[in-house]
Amino acid sequence: MPVFEYECRACHSSFERLTRRIGEDATGIVCPTCGSDDVHKVISLFGVTGAEPRGGPSFGGGTHTHNGIT
């Protein structure tokens, strides 16, 4: 079962919920902080995928080699 991150529109707190299906919407999910049902799914950074820039991730600093040139 997937875990999704939600944000409450009333109090702006973020929380996670285990859901039964990937396509399940936020119906019936309430904010654990204020009890509001005005919540929406947010895109979690953990769940975002994509290609890394050529040469891999850049963390800054240090010397790196690009095409054999230091």
C-alpha atoms as a PDB file:
ATOM      1  CA  MET A   1       0.000   0.000   0.000  1.00  0.00           C
ATOM      2  CA  PRO A   2       1.445   3.375  -0.991  1.00  0.00           C
ATOM      3  CA  VAL A   3       2.124   6.233   1.419  1.00  0.00           C
ATOM      4  CA  PHE A   4       1.094   9.708   0.268  1.00  0.00           C
ATOM      5  CA  GLU A   5       1.884  13.107   1.706  1.00  0.00           C
ATOM      6  CA  TYR A   6      -0.979  15.539   2.257  1.00  0.00           C
ATOM      7  CA  GLU A   7      -1.225  19.182   3.243  1.00  0.00           C
ATOM      8  CA  CYS A   8      -4.091  20.749   5.152  1.00  0.00           C
ATOM      9  CA  ARG A   9      -5.451  23.897   3.523  1.00  0.00           C
ATOM     10  CA  ALA A  10      -6.876  25.099   6.857  1.00  0.00           C
ATOM     11  CA  CYS A  11      -3.782  24.942   9.103  1.00  0.00           C
ATOM     12  CA  HIS A  12      -1.045  24.234   6.491  1.00  0.00           C
ATOM     13  CA  SER A  13       0.338  21.212   8.333  1.00  0.00           C
ATOM     14  CA  SER A  14       1.774  18.293   6.339  1.00  0.00           C
ATOM     15  CA  PHE A  15       1.187  14.636   7.131  1.00  0.00           C
ATOM     16  CA  GLU A  16       1.410  11.184   5.542  1.00  0.00           C
ATOM     17  CA  ARG A  17      -1.265   8.516   5.120  1.00  0.00           C
ATOM     18  CA  LEU A  18      -1.142   4.911   4.031  1.00  0.00           C
ATOM     19  CA  THR A  19      -3.754   4.415   1.290  1.00  0.00           C
ATOM     20  CA  ARG A  20      -5.297   1.344  -0.299  1.00  0.00           C
ATOM     21  CA  ARG A  21      -4.875   2.404  -3.943  1.00  0.00           C
ATOM     22  CA  ILE A  22      -2.563   4.675  -5.911  1.00  0.00           C
ATOM     23  CA  GLY A  23      -5.457   6.501  -7.591  1.00  0.00           C
ATOM     24  CA  GLU A  24      -7.302   7.148  -4.321  1.00  0.00           C
ATOM     25  CA  ASP A  25      -8.171  10.806  -3.767  1.00  0.00           C
ATOM     26  CA  ALA A  26      -8.205  12.709  -0.459  1.00  0.00           C
ATOM     27  CA  THR A  27     -11.880  11.919   0.280  1.00  0.00           C
ATOM     28  CA  GLY A  28     -12.320  10.883   3.903  1.00  0.00           C
ATOM     29  CA  ILE A  29      -8.819  11.972   4.965  1.00  0.00           C
ATOM     30  CA  VAL A  30      -8.715  14.494   7.799  1.00  0.00           C
ATOM     31  CA  CYS A  31      -5.882  16.589   9.172  1.00  0.00           C
ATOM     32  CA  PRO A  32      -4.503  15.079  12.395  1.00  0.00           C
ATOM     33  CA  THR A  33      -3.651  18.574  13.684  1.00  0.00           C
ATOM     34  CA  CYS A  34      -6.922  20.490  13.259  1.00  0.00           C
ATOM     35  CA  GLY A  35      -9.430  17.858  12.082  1.00  0.00           C
ATOM     36  CA  SER A  36     -10.253  19.633   8.805  1.00  0.00           C
ATOM     37  CA  ASP A  37     -11.119  17.522   5.762  1.00  0.00           C
ATOM     38  CA  ASP A  38      -9.895  20.282   3.410  1.00  0.00           C
ATOM     39  CA  VAL A  39      -6.670  18.461   2.478  1.00  0.00           C
ATOM     40  CA  HIS A  40      -4.841  17.779  -0.778  1.00  0.00           C
ATOM     41  CA  LYS A  41      -2.054  15.475  -1.955  1.00  0.00           C
ATOM     42  CA  VAL A  42       1.353  17.038  -2.426  1.00  0.00           C
ATOM     43  CA  ILE A  43       4.221  15.749  -4.525  1.00  0.00           C
ATOM     44  CA  SER A  44       6.812  14.206  -2.266  1.00  0.00           C
ATOM     45  CA  LEU A  45      10.455  14.742  -3.174  1.00  0.00           C
ATOM     46  CA  PHE A  46      11.064  11.083  -2.423  1.00  0.00           C
ATOM     47  CA  GLY A  47       8.570  10.069  -5.088  1.00  0.00           C
ATOM     48  CA  VAL A  48       9.849  12.348  -7.856  1.00  0.00           C
ATOM     49  CA  THR A  49      12.053  10.662 -10.424  1.00  0.00           C
ATOM     50  CA  GLY A  50      14.012  11.967 -13.362  1.00  0.00           C
ATOM     51  CA  ALA A  51      17.297  11.819 -15.155  1.00  0.00           C
ATOM     52  CA  GLU A  52      20.407  13.196 -13.519  1.00  0.00           C
ATOM     53  CA  PRO A  53      22.437  15.752 -15.428  1.00  0.00           C
ATOM     54  CA  ARG A  54      25.246  14.298 -17.485  1.00  0.00           C
ATOM     55  CA  GLY A  55      28.087  13.321 -15.189  1.00  0.00           C
ATOM     56  CA  GLY A  56      25.798  12.659 -12.224  1.00  0.00           C
ATOM     57  CA  PRO A  57      24.579  14.906  -9.445  1.00  0.00           C
ATOM     58  CA  SER A  58      26.502  18.021  -8.510  1.00  0.00           C
ATOM     59  CA  PHE A  59      27.025  18.678  -4.826  1.00  0.00           C
ATOM     60  CA  GLY A  60      29.312  21.674  -5.312  1.00  0.00           C
ATOM     61  CA  GLY A  61      32.898  22.207  -4.290  1.00  0.00           C
ATOM     62  CA  GLY A  62      35.929  20.106  -5.087  1.00  0.00           C
ATOM     63  CA  THR A  63      37.530  19.358  -8.430  1.00  0.00           C
ATOM     64  CA  HIS A  64      35.765  17.276 -11.011  1.00  0.00           C
ATOM     65  CA  THR A  65      36.668  15.934 -14.417  1.00  0.00           C
ATOM     66  CA  HIS A  66      34.554  16.579 -17.494  1.00  0.00           C
ATOM     67  CA  ASN A  67      35.557  14.904 -20.769  1.00  0.00           C
ATOM     68  CA  GLY A  68      38.985  14.103 -19.385  1.00  0.00           C
ATOM     69  CA  ILE A  69      39.829  17.723 -18.524  1.00  0.00           C
ATOM     70  CA  THR A  70      40.440  18.597 -14.876  1.00  0.00           C
END
